[in-house]
């Protein structure tokens, strides 16, 4: 991030949108995020800057920069509601997923975010990131790790009675078991 900041205003966002060069727009948005004030209006503008920045970094195929953005935003996440944090984190992870050839980066990013969410006691977000991680591990053919993660997640989600997450988690686990069963039958 740059040492000088731009005020978190709609004018700063407009300046980034109007920039001809994507790298200039990215620089402007990073400078908006550096703005220290944390009024409710400034926080709203910064959320918009994050969304725009994530889109630009995705378009430029800068997956590592998206990863470092998540790390840089951690202090900001303590200033906004947990639901907004979850939306931003999942949005950035989705942006990384849209960049070709980033499956290993997605897995390590999800693992980092699971550790952070555990430390910050953000259960809702952790469960969603763990479900995403399990799906990525299955795509990457790391079945035993995915199954271990899913079984723990399904137990926890059942206890919390979170039906929106429980059904996809159980389906992933059942598909995993079916796949392993079919592999065993082929081997015999």
N, C-alpha and C. Protein backbone atom coordinates (compact mmCIF):
# COMPACT_ATOMS: atom_id res chain seq x y z
N UNK A 1 0.83 -1.18 0.00
CA UNK A 1 0.00 0.00 0.00
C UNK A 1 0.88 1.25 0.00
N UNK A 2 0.37 2.31 -0.54
CA UNK A 2 1.10 3.56 -0.67
C UNK A 2 1.16 4.27 0.67
N UNK A 3 2.18 5.15 0.83
CA UNK A 3 2.34 5.84 2.10
C UNK A 3 1.34 6.99 2.26
N UNK A 4 0.98 7.67 1.18
CA UNK A 4 -0.01 8.73 1.28
C UNK A 4 -1.39 8.15 0.98
N UNK A 5 -2.38 8.72 1.62
CA UNK A 5 -3.72 8.17 1.43
C UNK A 5 -4.61 9.19 0.74
N UNK A 6 -5.68 8.69 0.19
CA UNK A 6 -6.74 9.53 -0.36
C UNK A 6 -7.92 9.44 0.59
N UNK A 7 -8.66 10.52 0.77
CA UNK A 7 -9.82 10.44 1.66
C UNK A 7 -10.85 9.45 1.11
N UNK A 8 -11.49 8.74 2.02
CA UNK A 8 -12.51 7.76 1.63
C UNK A 8 -13.79 8.51 1.29
N UNK A 9 -13.86 8.99 0.06
CA UNK A 9 -15.04 9.73 -0.41
C UNK A 9 -15.48 9.15 -1.75
N UNK A 10 -16.68 9.50 -2.14
CA UNK A 10 -17.17 9.05 -3.45
C UNK A 10 -16.33 9.63 -4.58
N UNK A 11 -15.76 10.82 -4.36
CA UNK A 11 -14.88 11.41 -5.38
C UNK A 11 -13.65 10.55 -5.62
N UNK A 12 -13.09 9.99 -4.54
CA UNK A 12 -11.91 9.13 -4.68
C UNK A 12 -12.26 7.86 -5.45
N UNK A 13 -13.42 7.30 -5.17
CA UNK A 13 -13.87 6.10 -5.90
C UNK A 13 -14.08 6.45 -7.37
N UNK A 14 -14.70 7.60 -7.62
CA UNK A 14 -14.92 8.04 -9.01
C UNK A 14 -13.59 8.24 -9.73
N UNK A 15 -12.62 8.78 -9.02
CA UNK A 15 -11.28 8.97 -9.61
C UNK A 15 -10.69 7.62 -10.03
N UNK A 16 -10.87 6.60 -9.20
CA UNK A 16 -10.36 5.27 -9.54
C UNK A 16 -11.10 4.67 -10.72
N UNK A 17 -12.41 4.86 -10.76
CA UNK A 17 -13.21 4.32 -11.86
C UNK A 17 -12.84 4.99 -13.18
N UNK A 18 -12.55 6.28 -13.12
CA UNK A 18 -12.22 7.03 -14.34
C UNK A 18 -10.78 6.83 -14.80
N UNK A 19 -9.94 6.23 -13.97
CA UNK A 19 -8.53 6.03 -14.34
C UNK A 19 -8.44 5.19 -15.60
N UNK A 20 -7.57 5.60 -16.50
CA UNK A 20 -7.41 4.90 -17.79
C UNK A 20 -6.66 3.59 -17.62
N UNK A 21 -5.66 3.61 -16.76
CA UNK A 21 -4.78 2.46 -16.57
C UNK A 21 -5.24 1.66 -15.33
N UNK A 22 -5.42 0.34 -15.46
CA UNK A 22 -5.85 -0.45 -14.29
C UNK A 22 -4.88 -0.33 -13.10
N UNK A 23 -3.58 -0.26 -13.37
CA UNK A 23 -2.63 -0.16 -12.26
C UNK A 23 -2.79 1.17 -11.51
N UNK A 24 -3.15 2.23 -12.23
CA UNK A 24 -3.41 3.52 -11.58
C UNK A 24 -4.67 3.42 -10.71
N UNK A 25 -5.71 2.79 -11.22
CA UNK A 25 -6.94 2.61 -10.45
C UNK A 25 -6.68 1.78 -9.20
N UNK A 26 -5.88 0.73 -9.35
CA UNK A 26 -5.54 -0.12 -8.20
C UNK A 26 -4.81 0.69 -7.15
N UNK A 27 -3.86 1.51 -7.58
CA UNK A 27 -3.10 2.35 -6.66
C UNK A 27 -4.01 3.32 -5.92
N UNK A 28 -4.94 3.93 -6.63
CA UNK A 28 -5.88 4.87 -6.01
C UNK A 28 -6.72 4.16 -4.95
N UNK A 29 -7.21 2.97 -5.28
CA UNK A 29 -8.06 2.23 -4.34
C UNK A 29 -7.29 1.80 -3.10
N UNK A 30 -6.03 1.40 -3.26
CA UNK A 30 -5.21 1.08 -2.09
C UNK A 30 -5.04 2.31 -1.21
N UNK A 31 -4.85 3.48 -1.83
CA UNK A 31 -4.68 4.71 -1.07
C UNK A 31 -5.97 5.08 -0.33
N UNK A 32 -7.12 4.79 -0.91
CA UNK A 32 -8.40 5.02 -0.22
C UNK A 32 -8.48 4.13 1.02
N UNK A 33 -8.03 2.89 0.89
CA UNK A 33 -8.07 1.97 2.03
C UNK A 33 -7.13 2.40 3.15
N UNK A 34 -6.08 3.17 2.80
CA UNK A 34 -5.14 3.67 3.81
C UNK A 34 -5.70 4.83 4.64
N UNK A 35 -6.81 5.41 4.22
CA UNK A 35 -7.40 6.55 4.91
C UNK A 35 -7.79 6.15 6.33
N UNK A 36 -7.21 6.81 7.37
CA UNK A 36 -7.48 6.39 8.75
C UNK A 36 -8.90 6.62 9.27
N UNK A 37 -9.63 7.68 8.86
CA UNK A 37 -10.95 7.87 9.46
C UNK A 37 -11.87 6.65 9.31
N UNK A 38 -12.67 6.43 10.34
CA UNK A 38 -13.55 5.25 10.31
C UNK A 38 -14.99 5.62 10.63
N UNK A 39 -15.45 6.74 10.09
CA UNK A 39 -16.87 7.09 10.24
C UNK A 39 -17.69 6.08 9.45
N UNK A 40 -18.97 6.04 9.69
CA UNK A 40 -19.80 5.05 8.99
C UNK A 40 -19.77 5.29 7.48
N UNK A 41 -19.72 6.56 7.06
CA UNK A 41 -19.65 6.87 5.63
C UNK A 41 -18.31 6.42 5.05
N UNK A 42 -17.22 6.67 5.78
CA UNK A 42 -15.89 6.27 5.31
C UNK A 42 -15.81 4.74 5.20
N UNK A 43 -16.40 4.03 6.15
CA UNK A 43 -16.39 2.57 6.10
C UNK A 43 -17.16 2.06 4.89
N UNK A 44 -18.28 2.70 4.60
CA UNK A 44 -19.08 2.31 3.43
C UNK A 44 -18.29 2.54 2.14
N UNK A 45 -17.60 3.66 2.06
CA UNK A 45 -16.78 3.97 0.88
C UNK A 45 -15.64 2.95 0.76
N UNK A 46 -15.03 2.61 1.89
CA UNK A 46 -13.93 1.64 1.86
C UNK A 46 -14.43 0.27 1.41
N UNK A 47 -15.64 -0.11 1.82
CA UNK A 47 -16.21 -1.38 1.35
C UNK A 47 -16.35 -1.37 -0.17
N UNK A 48 -16.80 -0.24 -0.71
CA UNK A 48 -16.91 -0.12 -2.17
C UNK A 48 -15.53 -0.18 -2.82
N UNK A 49 -14.55 0.46 -2.18
CA UNK A 49 -13.18 0.42 -2.71
C UNK A 49 -12.65 -1.01 -2.73
N UNK A 50 -12.96 -1.78 -1.69
CA UNK A 50 -12.51 -3.18 -1.63
C UNK A 50 -13.13 -3.98 -2.76
N UNK A 51 -14.42 -3.79 -2.98
CA UNK A 51 -15.11 -4.51 -4.07
C UNK A 51 -14.50 -4.16 -5.42
N UNK A 52 -14.29 -2.87 -5.66
CA UNK A 52 -13.69 -2.44 -6.93
C UNK A 52 -12.27 -2.97 -7.08
N UNK A 53 -11.51 -2.91 -5.99
CA UNK A 53 -10.13 -3.38 -6.02
C UNK A 53 -10.06 -4.88 -6.30
N UNK A 54 -10.92 -5.65 -5.66
CA UNK A 54 -10.94 -7.10 -5.90
C UNK A 54 -11.28 -7.40 -7.35
N UNK A 55 -12.23 -6.66 -7.91
CA UNK A 55 -12.59 -6.85 -9.32
C UNK A 55 -11.41 -6.54 -10.24
N UNK A 56 -10.73 -5.43 -9.98
CA UNK A 56 -9.58 -5.06 -10.81
C UNK A 56 -8.44 -6.07 -10.70
N UNK A 57 -8.16 -6.51 -9.48
CA UNK A 57 -7.08 -7.49 -9.29
C UNK A 57 -7.43 -8.80 -9.99
N UNK A 58 -8.70 -9.18 -9.96
CA UNK A 58 -9.13 -10.39 -10.67
C UNK A 58 -8.95 -10.22 -12.17
N UNK A 59 -9.38 -9.08 -12.70
CA UNK A 59 -9.25 -8.84 -14.14
C UNK A 59 -7.78 -8.84 -14.58
N UNK A 60 -6.90 -8.42 -13.69
CA UNK A 60 -5.47 -8.39 -14.00
C UNK A 60 -4.78 -9.72 -13.65
N UNK A 61 -5.56 -10.72 -13.21
CA UNK A 61 -5.04 -12.04 -12.83
C UNK A 61 -3.96 -11.95 -11.74
N UNK A 62 -4.19 -11.09 -10.77
CA UNK A 62 -3.23 -10.89 -9.68
C UNK A 62 -3.74 -11.60 -8.42
N UNK A 63 -3.69 -12.92 -8.47
CA UNK A 63 -4.22 -13.74 -7.38
C UNK A 63 -3.46 -13.53 -6.07
N UNK A 64 -2.14 -13.43 -6.15
CA UNK A 64 -1.35 -13.23 -4.93
C UNK A 64 -1.68 -11.89 -4.27
N UNK A 65 -1.96 -10.88 -5.08
CA UNK A 65 -2.35 -9.58 -4.53
C UNK A 65 -3.70 -9.67 -3.83
N UNK A 66 -4.61 -10.48 -4.36
CA UNK A 66 -5.89 -10.69 -3.69
C UNK A 66 -5.67 -11.37 -2.34
N UNK A 67 -4.76 -12.31 -2.32
CA UNK A 67 -4.45 -13.00 -1.06
C UNK A 67 -3.89 -12.02 -0.04
N UNK A 68 -2.93 -11.19 -0.46
CA UNK A 68 -2.35 -10.23 0.48
C UNK A 68 -3.37 -9.16 0.89
N UNK A 69 -4.31 -8.85 0.01
CA UNK A 69 -5.37 -7.90 0.35
C UNK A 69 -6.17 -8.42 1.55
N UNK A 70 -6.49 -9.70 1.55
CA UNK A 70 -7.23 -10.27 2.67
C UNK A 70 -6.46 -10.11 3.98
N UNK A 71 -5.16 -10.31 3.93
CA UNK A 71 -4.33 -10.15 5.12
C UNK A 71 -4.30 -8.69 5.56
N UNK A 72 -4.15 -7.78 4.60
CA UNK A 72 -4.09 -6.35 4.92
C UNK A 72 -5.40 -5.83 5.49
N UNK A 73 -6.50 -6.45 5.14
CA UNK A 73 -7.82 -5.97 5.57
C UNK A 73 -8.22 -6.43 6.97
N UNK A 74 -7.46 -7.29 7.58
CA UNK A 74 -7.87 -7.84 8.88
C UNK A 74 -8.17 -6.76 9.93
N UNK A 75 -7.35 -5.71 10.06
CA UNK A 75 -7.72 -4.66 11.02
C UNK A 75 -9.05 -3.97 10.65
N UNK A 76 -9.29 -3.81 9.37
CA UNK A 76 -10.54 -3.19 8.89
C UNK A 76 -11.74 -4.04 9.27
N UNK A 77 -11.58 -5.36 9.23
CA UNK A 77 -12.69 -6.26 9.53
C UNK A 77 -13.19 -6.10 10.96
N UNK A 78 -12.33 -5.62 11.86
CA UNK A 78 -12.78 -5.43 13.24
C UNK A 78 -13.69 -4.20 13.37
N UNK A 79 -13.71 -3.35 12.33
CA UNK A 79 -14.52 -2.13 12.37
C UNK A 79 -15.91 -2.30 11.76
N UNK A 80 -16.11 -3.37 11.02
CA UNK A 80 -17.40 -3.56 10.33
C UNK A 80 -18.11 -4.80 10.90
N UNK A 81 -19.41 -4.91 10.67
CA UNK A 81 -20.16 -6.08 11.17
C UNK A 81 -19.62 -7.39 10.60
N UNK A 82 -19.78 -8.45 11.36
CA UNK A 82 -19.27 -9.76 10.94
C UNK A 82 -19.90 -10.23 9.64
N UNK A 83 -21.16 -9.91 9.41
CA UNK A 83 -21.81 -10.34 8.17
C UNK A 83 -21.17 -9.67 6.96
N UNK A 84 -20.81 -8.39 7.09
CA UNK A 84 -20.14 -7.70 5.98
C UNK A 84 -18.74 -8.26 5.77
N UNK A 85 -18.07 -8.59 6.87
CA UNK A 85 -16.75 -9.21 6.76
C UNK A 85 -16.86 -10.52 5.99
N UNK A 86 -17.85 -11.33 6.34
CA UNK A 86 -18.04 -12.62 5.67
C UNK A 86 -18.29 -12.41 4.18
N UNK A 87 -19.09 -11.43 3.84
CA UNK A 87 -19.38 -11.15 2.43
C UNK A 87 -18.11 -10.75 1.68
N UNK A 88 -17.30 -9.90 2.28
CA UNK A 88 -16.06 -9.44 1.64
C UNK A 88 -15.08 -10.60 1.48
N UNK A 89 -14.88 -11.37 2.55
CA UNK A 89 -13.93 -12.49 2.50
C UNK A 89 -14.35 -13.50 1.45
N UNK A 90 -15.61 -13.88 1.45
CA UNK A 90 -16.08 -14.85 0.46
C UNK A 90 -15.99 -14.28 -0.95
N UNK A 91 -16.24 -12.98 -1.10
CA UNK A 91 -16.12 -12.35 -2.41
C UNK A 91 -14.70 -12.37 -2.94
N UNK A 92 -13.73 -12.13 -2.06
CA UNK A 92 -12.33 -12.14 -2.49
C UNK A 92 -11.90 -13.57 -2.82
N UNK A 93 -12.34 -14.54 -2.02
CA UNK A 93 -12.02 -15.94 -2.33
C UNK A 93 -12.64 -16.32 -3.67
N UNK A 94 -13.86 -15.86 -3.93
CA UNK A 94 -14.50 -16.11 -5.24
C UNK A 94 -13.71 -15.46 -6.37
N UNK A 95 -13.16 -14.28 -6.13
CA UNK A 95 -12.36 -13.60 -7.15
C UNK A 95 -11.11 -14.40 -7.48
N UNK A 96 -10.46 -14.95 -6.46
CA UNK A 96 -9.28 -15.79 -6.70
C UNK A 96 -9.68 -17.01 -7.51
N UNK A 97 -10.85 -17.57 -7.22
CA UNK A 97 -11.32 -18.78 -7.92
C UNK A 97 -11.55 -18.52 -9.40
N UNK A 98 -11.84 -17.29 -9.77
CA UNK A 98 -12.10 -16.97 -11.18
C UNK A 98 -10.82 -16.82 -11.99
N UNK A 99 -9.67 -16.85 -11.32
CA UNK A 99 -8.39 -16.74 -12.02
C UNK A 99 -7.91 -18.16 -12.31
N UNK A 100 -7.63 -18.47 -13.57
CA UNK A 100 -7.22 -19.84 -13.93
C UNK A 100 -5.91 -20.25 -13.25
N UNK A 101 -5.84 -21.54 -12.89
CA UNK A 101 -4.62 -22.11 -12.33
C UNK A 101 -4.32 -21.72 -10.91
N UNK A 102 -5.34 -21.43 -10.13
CA UNK A 102 -5.09 -20.98 -8.76
C UNK A 102 -5.63 -21.95 -7.71
N UNK A 103 -5.83 -23.21 -8.06
CA UNK A 103 -6.45 -24.12 -7.08
C UNK A 103 -5.58 -24.30 -5.84
N UNK A 104 -4.25 -24.41 -6.00
CA UNK A 104 -3.39 -24.55 -4.83
C UNK A 104 -3.41 -23.28 -3.97
N UNK A 105 -3.43 -22.13 -4.63
CA UNK A 105 -3.50 -20.86 -3.91
C UNK A 105 -4.83 -20.75 -3.17
N UNK A 106 -5.92 -21.18 -3.80
CA UNK A 106 -7.23 -21.14 -3.15
C UNK A 106 -7.23 -22.01 -1.89
N UNK A 107 -6.63 -23.19 -1.99
CA UNK A 107 -6.58 -24.09 -0.84
C UNK A 107 -5.80 -23.45 0.30
N UNK A 108 -4.62 -22.91 0.00
CA UNK A 108 -3.82 -22.30 1.08
C UNK A 108 -4.50 -21.05 1.62
N UNK A 109 -5.16 -20.29 0.77
CA UNK A 109 -5.90 -19.10 1.21
C UNK A 109 -7.04 -19.50 2.14
N UNK A 110 -7.78 -20.53 1.77
CA UNK A 110 -8.87 -21.00 2.63
C UNK A 110 -8.33 -21.50 3.97
N UNK A 111 -7.21 -22.20 3.94
CA UNK A 111 -6.61 -22.68 5.20
C UNK A 111 -6.20 -21.51 6.09
N UNK A 112 -5.60 -20.48 5.49
CA UNK A 112 -5.23 -19.27 6.24
C UNK A 112 -6.47 -18.62 6.86
N UNK A 113 -7.52 -18.52 6.06
CA UNK A 113 -8.72 -17.85 6.55
C UNK A 113 -9.41 -18.68 7.64
N UNK A 114 -9.34 -20.00 7.55
CA UNK A 114 -9.91 -20.84 8.61
C UNK A 114 -9.16 -20.58 9.91
N UNK A 115 -7.82 -20.50 9.85
CA UNK A 115 -7.04 -20.21 11.05
C UNK A 115 -7.42 -18.84 11.63
N UNK A 116 -7.53 -17.85 10.75
CA UNK A 116 -7.88 -16.50 11.21
C UNK A 116 -9.27 -16.47 11.83
N UNK A 117 -10.23 -17.14 11.19
CA UNK A 117 -11.60 -17.13 11.72
C UNK A 117 -11.68 -17.86 13.05
N UNK A 118 -10.87 -18.89 13.23
CA UNK A 118 -10.83 -19.56 14.54
C UNK A 118 -10.30 -18.61 15.61
N UNK A 119 -9.20 -17.91 15.28
CA UNK A 119 -8.60 -16.98 16.24
C UNK A 119 -9.56 -15.83 16.58
N UNK A 120 -10.32 -15.38 15.60
CA UNK A 120 -11.25 -14.26 15.79
C UNK A 120 -12.64 -14.71 16.25
N UNK A 121 -12.82 -16.03 16.39
CA UNK A 121 -14.11 -16.60 16.82
C UNK A 121 -15.25 -16.18 15.89
N UNK A 122 -15.02 -16.34 14.60
CA UNK A 122 -16.03 -16.02 13.59
C UNK A 122 -16.55 -17.34 13.01
N UNK A 123 -17.40 -17.99 13.77
CA UNK A 123 -17.87 -19.34 13.46
C UNK A 123 -18.59 -19.43 12.12
N UNK A 124 -19.52 -18.53 11.87
CA UNK A 124 -20.30 -18.57 10.64
C UNK A 124 -19.38 -18.54 9.42
N UNK A 125 -18.46 -17.59 9.39
CA UNK A 125 -17.54 -17.46 8.26
C UNK A 125 -16.61 -18.67 8.18
N UNK A 126 -16.14 -19.15 9.32
CA UNK A 126 -15.25 -20.32 9.31
C UNK A 126 -15.93 -21.52 8.69
N UNK A 127 -17.18 -21.75 9.05
CA UNK A 127 -17.90 -22.90 8.51
C UNK A 127 -18.04 -22.79 7.00
N UNK A 128 -18.33 -21.61 6.50
CA UNK A 128 -18.47 -21.44 5.05
C UNK A 128 -17.14 -21.63 4.34
N UNK A 129 -16.07 -21.11 4.92
CA UNK A 129 -14.75 -21.26 4.30
C UNK A 129 -14.31 -22.72 4.37
N UNK A 130 -14.62 -23.40 5.47
CA UNK A 130 -14.27 -24.83 5.57
C UNK A 130 -15.03 -25.65 4.53
N UNK A 131 -16.29 -25.33 4.30
CA UNK A 131 -17.05 -26.05 3.27
C UNK A 131 -16.43 -25.82 1.90
N UNK A 132 -16.02 -24.59 1.64
CA UNK A 132 -15.35 -24.26 0.37
C UNK A 132 -14.03 -25.02 0.27
N UNK A 133 -13.28 -25.05 1.37
CA UNK A 133 -12.00 -25.75 1.40
C UNK A 133 -12.19 -27.24 1.12
N UNK A 134 -13.22 -27.84 1.72
CA UNK A 134 -13.48 -29.26 1.49
C UNK A 134 -13.76 -29.53 0.02
N UNK A 135 -14.55 -28.67 -0.61
CA UNK A 135 -14.85 -28.83 -2.04
C UNK A 135 -13.57 -28.70 -2.87
N UNK A 136 -12.72 -27.75 -2.52
CA UNK A 136 -11.45 -27.57 -3.24
C UNK A 136 -10.54 -28.78 -3.07
N UNK A 137 -10.50 -29.31 -1.85
CA UNK A 137 -9.66 -30.49 -1.60
C UNK A 137 -10.16 -31.68 -2.40
N UNK A 138 -11.47 -31.82 -2.52
CA UNK A 138 -12.01 -32.92 -3.31
C UNK A 138 -11.66 -32.75 -4.78
N UNK A 139 -11.76 -31.52 -5.29
CA UNK A 139 -11.38 -31.26 -6.68
C UNK A 139 -9.91 -31.58 -6.92
N UNK A 140 -9.11 -31.36 -5.88
CA UNK A 140 -7.67 -31.59 -5.96
C UNK A 140 -7.30 -33.03 -5.62
N UNK A 141 -8.31 -33.88 -5.45
CA UNK A 141 -8.16 -35.31 -5.16
C UNK A 141 -7.45 -35.58 -3.82
N UNK A 142 -7.61 -34.68 -2.87
CA UNK A 142 -7.10 -34.88 -1.52
C UNK A 142 -8.28 -35.33 -0.65
N UNK A 143 -8.73 -36.56 -0.93
CA UNK A 143 -10.00 -37.04 -0.38
C UNK A 143 -9.97 -37.25 1.12
N UNK A 144 -8.91 -37.79 1.67
CA UNK A 144 -8.91 -38.08 3.11
C UNK A 144 -8.98 -36.78 3.92
N UNK A 145 -8.23 -35.77 3.50
CA UNK A 145 -8.27 -34.48 4.21
C UNK A 145 -9.65 -33.84 4.08
N UNK A 146 -10.24 -33.92 2.89
CA UNK A 146 -11.57 -33.36 2.66
C UNK A 146 -12.61 -34.08 3.52
N UNK A 147 -12.51 -35.40 3.58
CA UNK A 147 -13.47 -36.18 4.35
C UNK A 147 -13.36 -35.87 5.84
N UNK A 148 -12.14 -35.75 6.34
CA UNK A 148 -11.93 -35.40 7.74
C UNK A 148 -12.55 -34.03 8.05
N UNK A 149 -12.28 -33.09 7.19
CA UNK A 149 -12.82 -31.74 7.36
C UNK A 149 -14.34 -31.75 7.31
N UNK A 150 -14.90 -32.46 6.34
CA UNK A 150 -16.36 -32.51 6.18
C UNK A 150 -17.05 -33.19 7.36
N UNK A 151 -16.47 -34.28 7.84
CA UNK A 151 -17.15 -34.98 8.94
C UNK A 151 -17.21 -34.11 10.18
N UNK A 152 -16.13 -33.39 10.48
CA UNK A 152 -16.16 -32.47 11.62
C UNK A 152 -17.14 -31.33 11.40
N UNK A 153 -17.17 -30.83 10.18
CA UNK A 153 -18.07 -29.73 9.85
C UNK A 153 -19.53 -30.16 9.94
N UNK A 154 -19.84 -31.35 9.43
CA UNK A 154 -21.22 -31.84 9.47
C UNK A 154 -21.68 -32.01 10.92
N UNK A 155 -20.81 -32.56 11.79
CA UNK A 155 -21.17 -32.72 13.21
C UNK A 155 -21.47 -31.36 13.84
N UNK A 156 -20.60 -30.39 13.59
CA UNK A 156 -20.78 -29.07 14.17
C UNK A 156 -22.04 -28.39 13.64
N UNK A 157 -22.27 -28.49 12.35
CA UNK A 157 -23.43 -27.84 11.74
C UNK A 157 -24.72 -28.49 12.20
N UNK A 158 -24.71 -29.81 12.37
CA UNK A 158 -25.90 -30.51 12.89
C UNK A 158 -26.24 -29.99 14.28
N UNK A 159 -25.21 -29.84 15.09
CA UNK A 159 -25.40 -29.37 16.46
C UNK A 159 -26.00 -27.95 16.46
N UNK A 160 -25.55 -27.12 15.52
CA UNK A 160 -26.05 -25.75 15.43
C UNK A 160 -27.35 -25.65 14.66
N UNK A 161 -27.74 -26.74 13.99
CA UNK A 161 -28.97 -26.81 13.21
C UNK A 161 -28.99 -25.76 12.10
N UNK A 162 -27.86 -25.64 11.39
CA UNK A 162 -27.74 -24.70 10.26
C UNK A 162 -28.06 -25.47 8.98
N UNK A 163 -29.32 -25.50 8.63
CA UNK A 163 -29.77 -26.31 7.49
C UNK A 163 -29.21 -25.82 6.16
N UNK A 164 -28.97 -24.52 6.03
CA UNK A 164 -28.44 -23.99 4.77
C UNK A 164 -27.04 -24.52 4.46
N UNK A 165 -26.25 -24.77 5.50
CA UNK A 165 -24.91 -25.31 5.28
C UNK A 165 -24.88 -26.82 5.42
N UNK A 166 -25.78 -27.38 6.22
CA UNK A 166 -25.77 -28.81 6.49
C UNK A 166 -26.01 -29.64 5.23
N UNK A 167 -26.98 -29.28 4.43
CA UNK A 167 -27.32 -30.08 3.25
C UNK A 167 -26.15 -30.15 2.26
N UNK A 168 -25.55 -29.01 1.86
CA UNK A 168 -24.41 -29.12 0.94
C UNK A 168 -23.24 -29.89 1.54
N UNK A 169 -23.00 -29.73 2.84
CA UNK A 169 -21.90 -30.44 3.48
C UNK A 169 -22.14 -31.94 3.47
N UNK A 170 -23.36 -32.36 3.79
CA UNK A 170 -23.68 -33.78 3.77
C UNK A 170 -23.58 -34.34 2.35
N UNK A 171 -24.05 -33.59 1.37
CA UNK A 171 -23.98 -34.05 -0.01
C UNK A 171 -22.53 -34.23 -0.46
N UNK A 172 -21.67 -33.28 -0.10
CA UNK A 172 -20.26 -33.42 -0.44
C UNK A 172 -19.68 -34.68 0.19
N UNK A 173 -20.01 -34.91 1.46
CA UNK A 173 -19.52 -36.09 2.15
C UNK A 173 -20.03 -37.38 1.52
N UNK A 174 -21.30 -37.41 1.16
CA UNK A 174 -21.87 -38.60 0.55
C UNK A 174 -21.29 -38.85 -0.84
N UNK A 175 -21.07 -37.79 -1.61
CA UNK A 175 -20.43 -37.95 -2.91
C UNK A 175 -19.02 -38.50 -2.76
N UNK A 176 -18.34 -38.00 -1.75
CA UNK A 176 -16.98 -38.48 -1.47
C UNK A 176 -17.00 -39.97 -1.16
N UNK A 177 -17.90 -40.39 -0.31
CA UNK A 177 -17.98 -41.80 0.06
C UNK A 177 -18.33 -42.67 -1.16
N UNK A 178 -19.24 -42.21 -1.98
CA UNK A 178 -19.62 -42.94 -3.19
C UNK A 178 -18.42 -43.09 -4.12
N UNK A 179 -17.68 -42.02 -4.30
CA UNK A 179 -16.51 -42.06 -5.17
C UNK A 179 -15.48 -43.06 -4.65
N UNK A 180 -15.23 -43.03 -3.35
CA UNK A 180 -14.26 -43.96 -2.77
C UNK A 180 -14.75 -45.40 -2.92
N UNK A 181 -16.05 -45.63 -2.75
CA UNK A 181 -16.62 -46.96 -2.91
C UNK A 181 -16.42 -47.46 -4.35
N UNK A 182 -16.68 -46.59 -5.31
CA UNK A 182 -16.49 -46.97 -6.71
C UNK A 182 -15.03 -47.27 -7.02
N UNK A 183 -14.13 -46.51 -6.44
CA UNK A 183 -12.70 -46.77 -6.65
C UNK A 183 -12.30 -48.13 -6.08
N UNK A 184 -12.83 -48.44 -4.90
CA UNK A 184 -12.51 -49.73 -4.29
C UNK A 184 -13.04 -50.88 -5.13
N UNK A 185 -14.24 -50.73 -5.67
CA UNK A 185 -14.81 -51.78 -6.52
C UNK A 185 -13.98 -51.98 -7.78
N UNK A 186 -13.47 -50.91 -8.35
CA UNK A 186 -12.63 -51.03 -9.54
C UNK A 186 -11.32 -51.74 -9.22
N UNK A 187 -10.79 -51.49 -8.03
CA UNK A 187 -9.52 -52.08 -7.64
C UNK A 187 -9.66 -53.58 -7.40
N UNK A 188 -10.83 -54.03 -7.01
CA UNK A 188 -11.04 -55.45 -6.71
C UNK A 188 -11.29 -56.18 -7.96
